[in-house]
Every structure is written in structure tokens, then in C-alpha cells.
Amino acid sequence: QYYHKLLLLSKSTQDKIKQLVAIMGIGTLDSTKTETYTKQAIEISKDIQSNNREVECYMILGDYYIKRKKYEVAKQWIEKAFEVGIKKEYPAFNFLW
């Protein structure tokens, strides 16, 4: 309920950071919305250039698919988290890709 109120408030004030927090909260707490909301959170993270949150979203999706025993899909999301984390935070390692 808190995150839903925060989402409404953040949309009305166009506060992307609060919107990101709300969407991630809803997606994490409501497994029926995890995939949809976390993918939205990834886009907002990119928009506001929050590398840490973007990586966190990829890890949330990885965990989501592990719990559903979809290991290949989970692996792709976790690899994406690693790739984004390394490429953006440690550009000297870009030769790995």
C-alpha cells in the first residue's frame, strides 16, 4: 500500500527517483508484478543513469526466474547485471566483451 501511494505521488510530481523506488518495491513484494514492474524500473534506472539500481533490477529478475526454476533465463539476467556493473563501473574491463 505504501509503495502504491508513493507511485501515485511520484507520478504526479514527476519524481523519477521516487517512482523508481515505488516500482521496485511493488515488483519485489508482489510476485505477480515482479517481471513487469522490474522491467519498468530498468528503463527508469537507465533514464536517470542509476547504474546500481539497474544492476539491482537485473538481479531481482534473476532471482525471480530462479524461484520458478527457469535457470537459463535467470542466468541471462544475472549475466546482464554483471556485464552492466562491470562495463559502467569499471570501464577498464570492457575488453572482456
C-alpha atoms as a PDB file:
ATOM      1  CA  GLN A   1       0.000   0.000   0.000  1.00  0.00           C
ATOM      2  CA  TYR A   2       2.812   2.423   0.854  1.00  0.00           C
ATOM      3  CA  TYR A   3       4.524   1.824  -2.496  1.00  0.00           C
ATOM      4  CA  HIS A   4       1.264   2.312  -4.402  1.00  0.00           C
ATOM      5  CA  LYS A   5       0.747   5.695  -2.719  1.00  0.00           C
ATOM      6  CA  LEU A   6       4.352   6.625  -3.388  1.00  0.00           C
ATOM      7  CA  LEU A   7       3.932   5.672  -7.045  1.00  0.00           C
ATOM      8  CA  LEU A   8       0.878   7.914  -7.432  1.00  0.00           C
ATOM      9  CA  LEU A   9       2.639  10.800  -5.701  1.00  0.00           C
ATOM     10  CA  SER A  10       5.830  10.374  -7.711  1.00  0.00           C
ATOM     11  CA  LYS A  11       3.947  10.312 -10.993  1.00  0.00           C
ATOM     12  CA  SER A  12       2.043  13.469 -10.102  1.00  0.00           C
ATOM     13  CA  THR A  13       5.284  15.269  -9.181  1.00  0.00           C
ATOM     14  CA  GLN A  14       7.294  13.599 -11.957  1.00  0.00           C
ATOM     15  CA  ASP A  15       9.900  12.498  -9.418  1.00  0.00           C
ATOM     16  CA  LYS A  16      11.744   9.706 -11.247  1.00  0.00           C
ATOM     17  CA  ILE A  17      13.751   8.588  -8.214  1.00  0.00           C
ATOM     18  CA  LYS A  18      10.679   8.111  -6.026  1.00  0.00           C
ATOM     19  CA  GLN A  19       8.913   6.468  -8.949  1.00  0.00           C
ATOM     20  CA  LEU A  20      11.809   4.036  -9.277  1.00  0.00           C
ATOM     21  CA  VAL A  21      11.727   3.211  -5.552  1.00  0.00           C
ATOM     22  CA  ALA A  22       7.963   2.642  -5.678  1.00  0.00           C
ATOM     23  CA  ILE A  23       8.053   0.455  -8.774  1.00  0.00           C
ATOM     24  CA  MET A  24      10.906  -1.639  -7.412  1.00  0.00           C
ATOM     25  CA  GLY A  25       9.078  -2.012  -4.094  1.00  0.00           C
ATOM     26  CA  ILE A  26       5.858  -3.164  -5.722  1.00  0.00           C
ATOM     27  CA  GLY A  27       7.708  -5.504  -8.047  1.00  0.00           C
ATOM     28  CA  THR A  28       9.665  -7.050  -5.206  1.00  0.00           C
ATOM     29  CA  LEU A  29       6.706  -7.537  -2.871  1.00  0.00           C
ATOM     30  CA  ASP A  30       4.107  -8.694  -5.413  1.00  0.00           C
ATOM     31  CA  SER A  31       5.409 -11.652  -7.401  1.00  0.00           C
ATOM     32  CA  THR A  32       2.586 -11.289  -9.930  1.00  0.00           C
ATOM     33  CA  LYS A  33       4.060  -7.915 -10.884  1.00  0.00           C
ATOM     34  CA  THR A  34       7.763  -8.603 -10.484  1.00  0.00           C
ATOM     35  CA  GLU A  35       8.607  -9.041 -14.140  1.00  0.00           C
ATOM     36  CA  THR A  36       6.564  -6.123 -15.474  1.00  0.00           C
ATOM     37  CA  TYR A  37       7.459  -3.624 -12.784  1.00  0.00           C
ATOM     38  CA  THR A  38      11.127  -4.550 -12.638  1.00  0.00           C
ATOM     39  CA  LYS A  39      11.457  -4.088 -16.397  1.00  0.00           C
ATOM     40  CA  GLN A  40       9.885  -0.638 -15.993  1.00  0.00           C
ATOM     41  CA  ALA A  41      12.366   0.069 -13.208  1.00  0.00           C
ATOM     42  CA  ILE A  42      15.234  -0.866 -15.535  1.00  0.00           C
ATOM     43  CA  GLU A  43      14.107   1.763 -18.026  1.00  0.00           C
ATOM     44  CA  ILE A  44      13.818   4.436 -15.327  1.00  0.00           C
ATOM     45  CA  SER A  45      17.232   3.435 -13.959  1.00  0.00           C
ATOM     46  CA  LYS A  46      18.735   3.925 -17.395  1.00  0.00           C
ATOM     47  CA  ASP A  47      16.912   7.232 -17.802  1.00  0.00           C
ATOM     48  CA  ILE A  48      18.263   8.646 -14.537  1.00  0.00           C
ATOM     49  CA  GLN A  49      21.621   6.905 -15.034  1.00  0.00           C
ATOM     50  CA  SER A  50      21.454   4.898 -11.812  1.00  0.00           C
ATOM     51  CA  ASN A  51      23.802   2.022 -12.573  1.00  0.00           C
ATOM     52  CA  ASN A  52      23.416   0.476  -9.132  1.00  0.00           C
ATOM     53  CA  ARG A  53      19.637   0.329  -9.389  1.00  0.00           C
ATOM     54  CA  GLU A  54      19.827  -1.013 -12.927  1.00  0.00           C
ATOM     55  CA  VAL A  55      22.089  -3.846 -11.771  1.00  0.00           C
ATOM     56  CA  GLU A  56      19.812  -4.476  -8.790  1.00  0.00           C
ATOM     57  CA  CYS A  57      16.838  -4.830 -11.150  1.00  0.00           C
ATOM     58  CA  TYR A  58      18.659  -7.413 -13.246  1.00  0.00           C
ATOM     59  CA  MET A  59      19.456  -9.356 -10.080  1.00  0.00           C
ATOM     60  CA  ILE A  60      15.815  -9.189  -8.953  1.00  0.00           C
ATOM     61  CA  LEU A  61      14.781 -10.688 -12.284  1.00  0.00           C
ATOM     62  CA  GLY A  62      17.461 -13.355 -11.985  1.00  0.00           C
ATOM     63  CA  ASP A  63      16.148 -14.320  -8.555  1.00  0.00           C
ATOM     64  CA  TYR A  64      12.574 -14.258  -9.854  1.00  0.00           C
ATOM     65  CA  TYR A  65      13.395 -16.825 -12.531  1.00  0.00           C
ATOM     66  CA  ILE A  66      15.495 -18.993 -10.214  1.00  0.00           C
ATOM     67  CA  LYS A  67      12.452 -19.324  -7.942  1.00  0.00           C
ATOM     68  CA  ARG A  68      10.484 -20.518 -10.976  1.00  0.00           C
ATOM     69  CA  LYS A  69      13.221 -22.989 -11.938  1.00  0.00           C
ATOM     70  CA  LYS A  70      13.853 -21.176 -15.224  1.00  0.00           C
ATOM     71  CA  TYR A  71      17.587 -21.306 -14.821  1.00  0.00           C
ATOM     72  CA  GLU A  72      18.632 -20.316 -18.335  1.00  0.00           C
ATOM     73  CA  VAL A  73      16.515 -17.169 -18.220  1.00  0.00           C
ATOM     74  CA  ALA A  74      17.811 -16.423 -14.716  1.00  0.00           C
ATOM     75  CA  LYS A  75      21.370 -16.841 -15.929  1.00  0.00           C
ATOM     76  CA  GLN A  76      20.804 -14.311 -18.725  1.00  0.00           C
ATOM     77  CA  TRP A  77      19.549 -11.677 -16.275  1.00  0.00           C
ATOM     78  CA  ILE A  78      22.383 -12.294 -13.822  1.00  0.00           C
ATOM     79  CA  GLU A  79      24.937 -12.108 -16.630  1.00  0.00           C
ATOM     80  CA  LYS A  80      23.361  -8.832 -17.729  1.00  0.00           C
ATOM     81  CA  ALA A  81      23.754  -7.497 -14.184  1.00  0.00           C
ATOM     82  CA  PHE A  82      27.413  -8.470 -14.184  1.00  0.00           C
ATOM     83  CA  GLU A  83      28.003  -7.034 -17.640  1.00  0.00           C
ATOM     84  CA  VAL A  84      26.343  -3.709 -16.874  1.00  0.00           C
ATOM     85  CA  GLY A  85      28.018  -3.475 -13.492  1.00  0.00           C
ATOM     86  CA  ILE A  86      31.466  -4.110 -14.888  1.00  0.00           C
ATOM     87  CA  LYS A  87      31.104  -2.096 -18.111  1.00  0.00           C
ATOM     88  CA  LYS A  88      29.701   1.006 -16.472  1.00  0.00           C
ATOM     89  CA  GLU A  89      31.539   0.948 -13.172  1.00  0.00           C
ATOM     90  CA  TYR A  90      34.862  -0.457 -14.335  1.00  0.00           C
ATOM     91  CA  PRO A  91      35.350   0.575 -17.984  1.00  0.00           C
ATOM     92  CA  ALA A  92      38.942  -0.697 -17.959  1.00  0.00           C
ATOM     93  CA  PHE A  93      37.476  -4.209 -18.114  1.00  0.00           C
ATOM     94  CA  ASN A  94      35.479  -3.557 -21.307  1.00  0.00           C
ATOM     95  CA  PHE A  95      37.924  -5.711 -23.240  1.00  0.00           C
ATOM     96  CA  LEU A  96      36.050  -8.703 -21.780  1.00  0.00           C
ATOM     97  CA  TRP A  97      33.082  -8.008 -24.076  1.00  0.00           C
END
